[in-house]
């Protein structure tokens, strides 16, 4: 499939130079760059969704789960220090 995208000449030159260094075509470089951008954008949206979900704080069950996780994570450290 052929698509036309207009970009500034200076950007295309820089991308072409990088593609040549990487021994790939400029089209492949642009595809890689767009895939990377879309992945990062999706990840940022996911993090924002998680942050939004917890913006009002934790409910009682979530707080209890968090405390249990903290105790579990501290246990090996506390066991190590109590043996010495």
PDB file of N, CA and C in Angstrom:
ATOM      1  N   UNK A   1       0.845  -1.168   0.000  1.00  0.00           N
ATOM      2  CA  UNK A   1       0.000   0.000   0.000  1.00  0.00           C
ATOM      3  C   UNK A   1       0.897   1.242   0.000  1.00  0.00           C
ATOM      4  N   UNK A   2       0.620   2.168  -0.839  1.00  0.00           N
ATOM      5  CA  UNK A   2       1.404   3.395  -0.925  1.00  0.00           C
ATOM      6  C   UNK A   2       0.596   4.527  -0.312  1.00  0.00           C
ATOM      7  N   UNK A   3       1.223   5.222   0.617  1.00  0.00           N
ATOM      8  CA  UNK A   3       0.621   6.383   1.260  1.00  0.00           C
ATOM      9  C   UNK A   3       1.568   7.561   1.072  1.00  0.00           C
ATOM     10  N   UNK A   4       1.011   8.724   0.962  1.00  0.00           N
ATOM     11  CA  UNK A   4       1.843   9.909   0.821  1.00  0.00           C
ATOM     12  C   UNK A   4       1.794  10.706   2.112  1.00  0.00           C
ATOM     13  N   UNK A   5       2.968  11.031   2.602  1.00  0.00           N
ATOM     14  CA  UNK A   5       3.089  11.839   3.809  1.00  0.00           C
ATOM     15  C   UNK A   5       4.052  12.976   3.484  1.00  0.00           C
ATOM     16  N   UNK A   6       3.674  14.182   3.834  1.00  0.00           N
ATOM     17  CA  UNK A   6       4.525  15.343   3.572  1.00  0.00           C
ATOM     18  C   UNK A   6       5.226  15.729   4.872  1.00  0.00           C
ATOM     19  N   UNK A   7       6.556  15.768   4.815  1.00  0.00           N
ATOM     20  CA  UNK A   7       7.355  16.191   5.967  1.00  0.00           C
ATOM     21  C   UNK A   7       8.377  17.216   5.497  1.00  0.00           C
ATOM     22  N   UNK A   8       8.890  18.025   6.404  1.00  0.00           N
ATOM     23  CA  UNK A   8       9.895  19.015   6.020  1.00  0.00           C
ATOM     24  C   UNK A   8      11.141  18.343   5.432  1.00  0.00           C
ATOM     25  N   UNK A   9      11.734  18.996   4.434  1.00  0.00           N
ATOM     26  CA  UNK A   9      12.925  18.450   3.777  1.00  0.00           C
ATOM     27  C   UNK A   9      14.046  18.156   4.762  1.00  0.00           C
ATOM     28  N   UNK A  10      14.261  19.059   5.718  1.00  0.00           N
ATOM     29  CA  UNK A  10      15.366  18.857   6.670  1.00  0.00           C
ATOM     30  C   UNK A  10      15.153  17.603   7.513  1.00  0.00           C
ATOM     31  N   UNK A  11      13.906  17.337   7.893  1.00  0.00           N
ATOM     32  CA  UNK A  11      13.611  16.132   8.668  1.00  0.00           C
ATOM     33  C   UNK A  11      13.833  14.887   7.820  1.00  0.00           C
ATOM     34  N   UNK A  12      13.407  14.946   6.574  1.00  0.00           N
ATOM     35  CA  UNK A  12      13.596  13.804   5.688  1.00  0.00           C
ATOM     36  C   UNK A  12      15.089  13.531   5.474  1.00  0.00           C
ATOM     37  N   UNK A  13      15.878  14.586   5.317  1.00  0.00           N
ATOM     38  CA  UNK A  13      17.330  14.411   5.127  1.00  0.00           C
ATOM     39  C   UNK A  13      17.955  13.753   6.346  1.00  0.00           C
ATOM     40  N   UNK A  14      17.580  14.224   7.518  1.00  0.00           N
ATOM     41  CA  UNK A  14      18.122  13.627   8.744  1.00  0.00           C
ATOM     42  C   UNK A  14      17.721  12.162   8.856  1.00  0.00           C
ATOM     43  N   UNK A  15      16.467  11.883   8.571  1.00  0.00           N
ATOM     44  CA  UNK A  15      15.984  10.496   8.639  1.00  0.00           C
ATOM     45  C   UNK A  15      16.673   9.627   7.600  1.00  0.00           C
ATOM     46  N   UNK A  16      16.867  10.162   6.407  1.00  0.00           N
ATOM     47  CA  UNK A  16      17.550   9.398   5.355  1.00  0.00           C
ATOM     48  C   UNK A  16      18.979   9.074   5.750  1.00  0.00           C
ATOM     49  N   UNK A  17      19.655  10.051   6.352  1.00  0.00           N
ATOM     50  CA  UNK A  17      21.030   9.811   6.806  1.00  0.00           C
ATOM     51  C   UNK A  17      21.070   8.728   7.880  1.00  0.00           C
ATOM     52  N   UNK A  18      20.137   8.802   8.820  1.00  0.00           N
ATOM     53  CA  UNK A  18      20.092   7.790   9.876  1.00  0.00           C
ATOM     54  C   UNK A  18      19.753   6.419   9.299  1.00  0.00           C
ATOM     55  N   UNK A  19      18.797   6.380   8.393  1.00  0.00           N
ATOM     56  CA  UNK A  19      18.429   5.106   7.758  1.00  0.00           C
ATOM     57  C   UNK A  19      19.627   4.492   7.049  1.00  0.00           C
ATOM     58  N   UNK A  20      20.405   5.333   6.381  1.00  0.00           N
ATOM     59  CA  UNK A  20      21.592   4.833   5.678  1.00  0.00           C
ATOM     60  C   UNK A  20      22.600   4.268   6.674  1.00  0.00           C
ATOM     61  N   UNK A  21      22.794   4.963   7.799  1.00  0.00           N
ATOM     62  CA  UNK A  21      23.695   4.459   8.845  1.00  0.00           C
ATOM     63  C   UNK A  21      23.213   3.110   9.385  1.00  0.00           C
ATOM     64  N   UNK A  22      21.892   2.987   9.516  1.00  0.00           N
ATOM     65  CA  UNK A  22      21.309   1.760  10.054  1.00  0.00           C
ATOM     66  C   UNK A  22      21.158   0.677   8.988  1.00  0.00           C
ATOM     67  N   UNK A  23      21.442   1.025   7.766  1.00  0.00           N
ATOM     68  CA  UNK A  23      21.344   0.117   6.623  1.00  0.00           C
ATOM     69  C   UNK A  23      19.918  -0.400   6.436  1.00  0.00           C
ATOM     70  N   UNK A  24      18.964   0.546   6.556  1.00  0.00           N
ATOM     71  CA  UNK A  24      17.567   0.252   6.277  1.00  0.00           C
ATOM     72  C   UNK A  24      17.022   1.361   5.385  1.00  0.00           C
ATOM     73  N   UNK A  25      15.856   1.152   4.830  1.00  0.00           N
ATOM     74  CA  UNK A  25      15.259   2.180   3.975  1.00  0.00           C
ATOM     75  C   UNK A  25      14.637   3.279   4.832  1.00  0.00           C
ATOM     76  N   UNK A  26      14.522   4.479   4.279  1.00  0.00           N
ATOM     77  CA  UNK A  26      13.820   5.537   5.015  1.00  0.00           C
ATOM     78  C   UNK A  26      12.396   5.118   5.387  1.00  0.00           C
ATOM     79  N   UNK A  27      11.718   4.401   4.517  1.00  0.00           N
ATOM     80  CA  UNK A  27      10.359   3.928   4.830  1.00  0.00           C
ATOM     81  C   UNK A  27      10.355   3.024   6.062  1.00  0.00           C
ATOM     82  N   UNK A  28      11.338   2.122   6.147  1.00  0.00           N
ATOM     83  CA  UNK A  28      11.425   1.244   7.316  1.00  0.00           C
ATOM     84  C   UNK A  28      11.701   2.060   8.579  1.00  0.00           C
ATOM     85  N   UNK A  29      12.567   3.052   8.459  1.00  0.00           N
ATOM     86  CA  UNK A  29      12.870   3.899   9.615  1.00  0.00           C
ATOM     87  C   UNK A  29      11.618   4.621  10.090  1.00  0.00           C
ATOM     88  N   UNK A  30      10.857   5.193   9.159  1.00  0.00           N
ATOM     89  CA  UNK A  30       9.628   5.882   9.552  1.00  0.00           C
ATOM     90  C   UNK A  30       8.633   4.906  10.176  1.00  0.00           C
ATOM     91  N   UNK A  31       8.539   3.698   9.665  1.00  0.00           N
ATOM     92  CA  UNK A  31       7.642   2.700  10.239  1.00  0.00           C
ATOM     93  C   UNK A  31       8.051   2.361  11.669  1.00  0.00           C
ATOM     94  N   UNK A  32       9.343   2.168  11.878  1.00  0.00           N
ATOM     95  CA  UNK A  32       9.854   1.866  13.221  1.00  0.00           C
ATOM     96  C   UNK A  32       9.560   3.024  14.162  1.00  0.00           C
ATOM     97  N   UNK A  33       9.798   4.244  13.687  1.00  0.00           N
ATOM     98  CA  UNK A  33       9.584   5.421  14.524  1.00  0.00           C
ATOM     99  C   UNK A  33       8.114   5.577  14.899  1.00  0.00           C
ATOM    100  N   UNK A  34       7.221   5.365  13.956  1.00  0.00           N
ATOM    101  CA  UNK A  34       5.790   5.490  14.238  1.00  0.00           C
ATOM    102  C   UNK A  34       5.334   4.393  15.202  1.00  0.00           C
ATOM    103  N   UNK A  35       5.830   3.167  15.000  1.00  0.00           N
ATOM    104  CA  UNK A  35       5.474   2.082  15.917  1.00  0.00           C
ATOM    105  C   UNK A  35       5.933   2.411  17.331  1.00  0.00           C
ATOM    106  N   UNK A  36       7.150   2.928  17.459  1.00  0.00           N
ATOM    107  CA  UNK A  36       7.682   3.290  18.772  1.00  0.00           C
ATOM    108  C   UNK A  36       6.840   4.398  19.405  1.00  0.00           C
ATOM    109  N   UNK A  37       6.514   5.414  18.618  1.00  0.00           N
ATOM    110  CA  UNK A  37       5.705   6.517  19.129  1.00  0.00           C
ATOM    111  C   UNK A  37       4.338   6.018  19.593  1.00  0.00           C
ATOM    112  N   UNK A  38       3.686   5.184  18.794  1.00  0.00           N
ATOM    113  CA  UNK A  38       2.373   4.657  19.155  1.00  0.00           C
ATOM    114  C   UNK A  38       2.442   3.811  20.423  1.00  0.00           C
ATOM    115  N   UNK A  39       3.498   3.026  20.562  1.00  0.00           N
ATOM    116  CA  UNK A  39       3.676   2.209  21.763  1.00  0.00           C
ATOM    117  C   UNK A  39       3.833   3.103  22.998  1.00  0.00           C
ATOM    118  N   UNK A  40       4.691   4.122  22.898  1.00  0.00           N
ATOM    119  CA  UNK A  40       4.892   5.034  24.030  1.00  0.00           C
ATOM    120  C   UNK A  40       3.607   5.792  24.357  1.00  0.00           C
ATOM    121  N   UNK A  41       2.881   6.219  23.332  1.00  0.00           N
ATOM    122  CA  UNK A  41       1.626   6.938  23.548  1.00  0.00           C
ATOM    123  C   UNK A  41       0.612   6.035  24.263  1.00  0.00           C
ATOM    124  N   UNK A  42       0.507   4.792  23.810  1.00  0.00           N
ATOM    125  CA  UNK A  42      -0.402   3.843  24.456  1.00  0.00           C
ATOM    126  C   UNK A  42      -0.005   3.641  25.923  1.00  0.00           C
ATOM    127  N   UNK A  43       1.282   3.494  26.178  1.00  0.00           N
ATOM    128  CA  UNK A  43       1.763   3.293  27.550  1.00  0.00           C
ATOM    129  C   UNK A  43       1.439   4.508  28.423  1.00  0.00           C
ATOM    130  N   UNK A  44       1.624   5.700  27.877  1.00  0.00           N
ATOM    131  CA  UNK A  44       1.312   6.916  28.632  1.00  0.00           C
ATOM    132  C   UNK A  44      -0.177   6.997  28.956  1.00  0.00           C
ATOM    133  N   UNK A  45      -1.014   6.609  27.996  1.00  0.00           N
ATOM    134  CA  UNK A  45      -2.460   6.610  28.239  1.00  0.00           C
ATOM    135  C   UNK A  45      -2.826   5.598  29.313  1.00  0.00           C
ATOM    136  N   UNK A  46      -2.173   4.444  29.306  1.00  0.00           N
ATOM    137  CA  UNK A  46      -2.437   3.423  30.311  1.00  0.00           C
ATOM    138  C   UNK A  46      -2.047   3.920  31.698  1.00  0.00           C
ATOM    139  N   UNK A  47      -0.878   4.524  31.811  1.00  0.00           N
ATOM    140  CA  UNK A  47      -0.431   5.072  33.099  1.00  0.00           C
ATOM    141  C   UNK A  47      -1.403   6.153  33.567  1.00  0.00           C
ATOM    142  N   UNK A  48      -1.836   7.019  32.657  1.00  0.00           N
ATOM    143  CA  UNK A  48      -2.782   8.066  33.024  1.00  0.00           C
ATOM    144  C   UNK A  48      -4.101   7.470  33.505  1.00  0.00           C
ATOM    145  N   UNK A  49      -4.555   6.409  32.858  1.00  0.00           N
ATOM    146  CA  UNK A  49      -5.791   5.746  33.289  1.00  0.00           C
ATOM    147  C   UNK A  49      -5.648   5.178  34.697  1.00  0.00           C
ATOM    148  N   UNK A  50      -4.505   4.578  34.962  1.00  0.00           N
ATOM    149  CA  UNK A  50      -4.252   4.028  36.301  1.00  0.00           C
ATOM    150  C   UNK A  50      -4.194   5.152  37.326  1.00  0.00           C
ATOM    151  N   UNK A  51      -3.489   6.229  36.993  1.00  0.00           N
ATOM    152  CA  UNK A  51      -3.406   7.373  37.905  1.00  0.00           C
ATOM    153  C   UNK A  51      -4.789   7.961  38.170  1.00  0.00           C
ATOM    154  N   UNK A  52      -5.600   8.078  37.128  1.00  0.00           N
ATOM    155  CA  UNK A  52      -6.955   8.597  37.284  1.00  0.00           C
ATOM    156  C   UNK A  52      -7.794   7.697  38.183  1.00  0.00           C
ATOM    157  N   UNK A  53      -7.628   6.386  38.014  1.00  0.00           N
ATOM    158  CA  UNK A  53      -8.407   5.436  38.803  1.00  0.00           C
ATOM    159  C   UNK A  53      -8.090   5.543  40.295  1.00  0.00           C
ATOM    160  N   UNK A  54      -6.847   5.894  40.626  1.00  0.00           N
ATOM    161  CA  UNK A  54      -6.437   5.975  42.026  1.00  0.00           C
ATOM    162  C   UNK A  54      -6.313   7.409  42.522  1.00  0.00           C
ATOM    163  N   UNK A  55      -6.785   8.361  41.757  1.00  0.00           N
ATOM    164  CA  UNK A  55      -6.664   9.772  42.136  1.00  0.00           C
ATOM    165  C   UNK A  55      -7.414  10.079  43.427  1.00  0.00           C
ATOM    166  N   UNK A  56      -8.488   9.356  43.673  1.00  0.00           N
ATOM    167  CA  UNK A  56      -9.270   9.615  44.879  1.00  0.00           C
ATOM    168  C   UNK A  56      -8.796   8.789  46.071  1.00  0.00           C
ATOM    169  N   UNK A  57      -7.679   8.125  45.950  1.00  0.00           N
ATOM    170  CA  UNK A  57      -7.123   7.328  47.041  1.00  0.00           C
ATOM    171  C   UNK A  57      -7.596   5.890  46.994  1.00  0.00           C
ATOM    172  N   UNK A  58      -7.101   5.114  47.928  1.00  0.00           N
ATOM    173  CA  UNK A  58      -7.423   3.693  47.992  1.00  0.00           C
ATOM    174  C   UNK A  58      -8.632   3.472  48.886  1.00  0.00           C
ATOM    175  N   UNK A  59      -9.471   2.489  48.520  1.00  0.00           N
ATOM    176  CA  UNK A  59     -10.566   2.125  49.421  1.00  0.00           C
ATOM    177  C   UNK A  59      -9.995   1.171  50.483  1.00  0.00           C
ATOM    178  N   UNK A  60     -10.829   0.731  51.418  1.00  0.00           N
ATOM    179  CA  UNK A  60     -10.344  -0.092  52.536  1.00  0.00           C
ATOM    180  C   UNK A  60      -9.718  -1.400  52.069  1.00  0.00           C
ATOM    181  N   UNK A  61     -10.341  -2.074  51.099  1.00  0.00           N
ATOM    182  CA  UNK A  61      -9.796  -3.344  50.598  1.00  0.00           C
ATOM    183  C   UNK A  61      -8.451  -3.132  49.913  1.00  0.00           C
ATOM    184  N   UNK A  62      -8.349  -2.078  49.115  1.00  0.00           N
ATOM    185  CA  UNK A  62      -7.085  -1.793  48.429  1.00  0.00           C
ATOM    186  C   UNK A  62      -5.997  -1.435  49.433  1.00  0.00           C
ATOM    187  N   UNK A  63      -6.352  -0.679  50.479  1.00  0.00           N
ATOM    188  CA  UNK A  63      -5.384  -0.308  51.507  1.00  0.00           C
ATOM    189  C   UNK A  63      -4.905  -1.551  52.245  1.00  0.00           C
ATOM    190  N   UNK A  64      -5.815  -2.466  52.565  1.00  0.00           N
ATOM    191  CA  UNK A  64      -5.436  -3.703  53.252  1.00  0.00           C
ATOM    192  C   UNK A  64      -4.526  -4.554  52.370  1.00  0.00           C
ATOM    193  N   UNK A  65      -4.840  -4.645  51.088  1.00  0.00           N
ATOM    194  CA  UNK A  65      -3.994  -5.398  50.162  1.00  0.00           C
ATOM    195  C   UNK A  65      -2.607  -4.786  50.084  1.00  0.00           C
ATOM    196  N   UNK A  66      -2.528  -3.459  49.989  1.00  0.00           N
ATOM    197  CA  UNK A  66      -1.245  -2.774  49.937  1.00  0.00           C
ATOM    198  C   UNK A  66      -0.421  -3.020  51.196  1.00  0.00           C
ATOM    199  N   UNK A  67      -1.067  -2.952  52.347  1.00  0.00           N
ATOM    200  CA  UNK A  67      -0.350  -3.212  53.601  1.00  0.00           C
ATOM    201  C   UNK A  67       0.160  -4.649  53.655  1.00  0.00           C
ATOM    202  N   UNK A  68      -0.659  -5.596  53.198  1.00  0.00           N
ATOM    203  CA  UNK A  68      -0.222  -6.988  53.154  1.00  0.00           C
ATOM    204  C   UNK A  68       0.972  -7.178  52.235  1.00  0.00           C
ATOM    205  N   UNK A  69       0.956  -6.499  51.100  1.00  0.00           N
ATOM    206  CA  UNK A  69       2.087  -6.577  50.159  1.00  0.00           C
ATOM    207  C   UNK A  69       3.338  -5.983  50.781  1.00  0.00           C
ATOM    208  N   UNK A  70       3.183  -4.878  51.491  1.00  0.00           N
ATOM    209  CA  UNK A  70       4.342  -4.245  52.149  1.00  0.00           C
ATOM    210  C   UNK A  70       4.929  -5.174  53.213  1.00  0.00           C
ATOM    211  N   UNK A  71       4.052  -5.802  54.023  1.00  0.00           N
ATOM    212  CA  UNK A  71       4.551  -6.735  55.055  1.00  0.00           C
ATOM    213  C   UNK A  71       5.286  -7.904  54.418  1.00  0.00           C
ATOM    214  N   UNK A  72       4.710  -8.416  53.313  1.00  0.00           N
ATOM    215  CA  UNK A  72       5.326  -9.550  52.621  1.00  0.00           C
ATOM    216  C   UNK A  72       6.694  -9.159  52.066  1.00  0.00           C
ATOM    217  N   UNK A  73       6.820  -7.969  51.519  1.00  0.00           N
ATOM    218  CA  UNK A  73       8.096  -7.521  50.947  1.00  0.00           C
ATOM    219  C   UNK A  73       9.131  -7.254  52.035  1.00  0.00           C
ATOM    220  N   UNK A  74       8.708  -6.804  53.212  1.00  0.00           N
ATOM    221  CA  UNK A  74       9.647  -6.534  54.304  1.00  0.00           C
ATOM    222  C   UNK A  74      10.102  -7.814  54.986  1.00  0.00           C
ATOM    223  N   UNK A  75       9.308  -8.864  54.941  1.00  0.00           N
ATOM    224  CA  UNK A  75       9.583 -10.090  55.687  1.00  0.00           C
ATOM    225  C   UNK A  75      10.965 -10.666  55.396  1.00  0.00           C
ATOM    226  N   UNK A  76      11.381 -10.866  54.142  1.00  0.00           N
ATOM    227  CA  UNK A  76      12.722 -11.422  53.917  1.00  0.00           C
ATOM    228  C   UNK A  76      13.828 -10.535  54.473  1.00  0.00           C
ATOM    229  N   UNK A  77      13.658  -9.229  54.412  1.00  0.00           N
ATOM    230  CA  UNK A  77      14.664  -8.312  54.947  1.00  0.00           C
ATOM    231  C   UNK A  77      14.719  -8.423  56.453  1.00  0.00           C
ATOM    232  N   UNK A  78      13.551  -8.443  57.107  1.00  0.00           N
ATOM    233  CA  UNK A  78      13.513  -8.562  58.557  1.00  0.00           C
ATOM    234  C   UNK A  78      14.071  -9.901  59.012  1.00  0.00           C
ATOM    235  N   UNK A  79      13.784 -10.994  58.296  1.00  0.00           N
ATOM    236  CA  UNK A  79      14.320 -12.310  58.627  1.00  0.00           C
ATOM    237  C   UNK A  79      15.830 -12.325  58.532  1.00  0.00           C
ATOM    238  N   UNK A  80      16.375 -11.669  57.511  1.00  0.00           N
ATOM    239  CA  UNK A  80      17.826 -11.622  57.309  1.00  0.00           C
ATOM    240  C   UNK A  80      18.503 -10.917  58.462  1.00  0.00           C
ATOM    241  N   UNK A  81      17.947  -9.775  58.879  1.00  0.00           N
ATOM    242  CA  UNK A  81      18.567  -9.008  59.971  1.00  0.00           C
ATOM    243  C   UNK A  81      18.386  -9.685  61.327  1.00  0.00           C
ATOM    244  N   UNK A  82      17.317 -10.399  61.532  1.00  0.00           N
ATOM    245  CA  UNK A  82      17.078 -11.047  62.826  1.00  0.00           C
ATOM    246  C   UNK A  82      17.972 -12.262  63.012  1.00  0.00           C
ATOM    247  N   UNK A  83      18.498 -12.844  61.912  1.00  0.00           N
ATOM    248  CA  UNK A  83      19.367 -14.017  61.999  1.00  0.00           C
ATOM    249  C   UNK A  83      20.797 -13.619  62.341  1.00  0.00           C
ATOM    250  N   UNK A  84      21.161 -12.377  62.092  1.00  0.00           N
ATOM    251  CA  UNK A  84      22.555 -11.931  62.330  1.00  0.00           C
ATOM    252  C   UNK A  84      22.737 -11.387  63.712  1.00  0.00           C
TER     253      UNK A  84
END
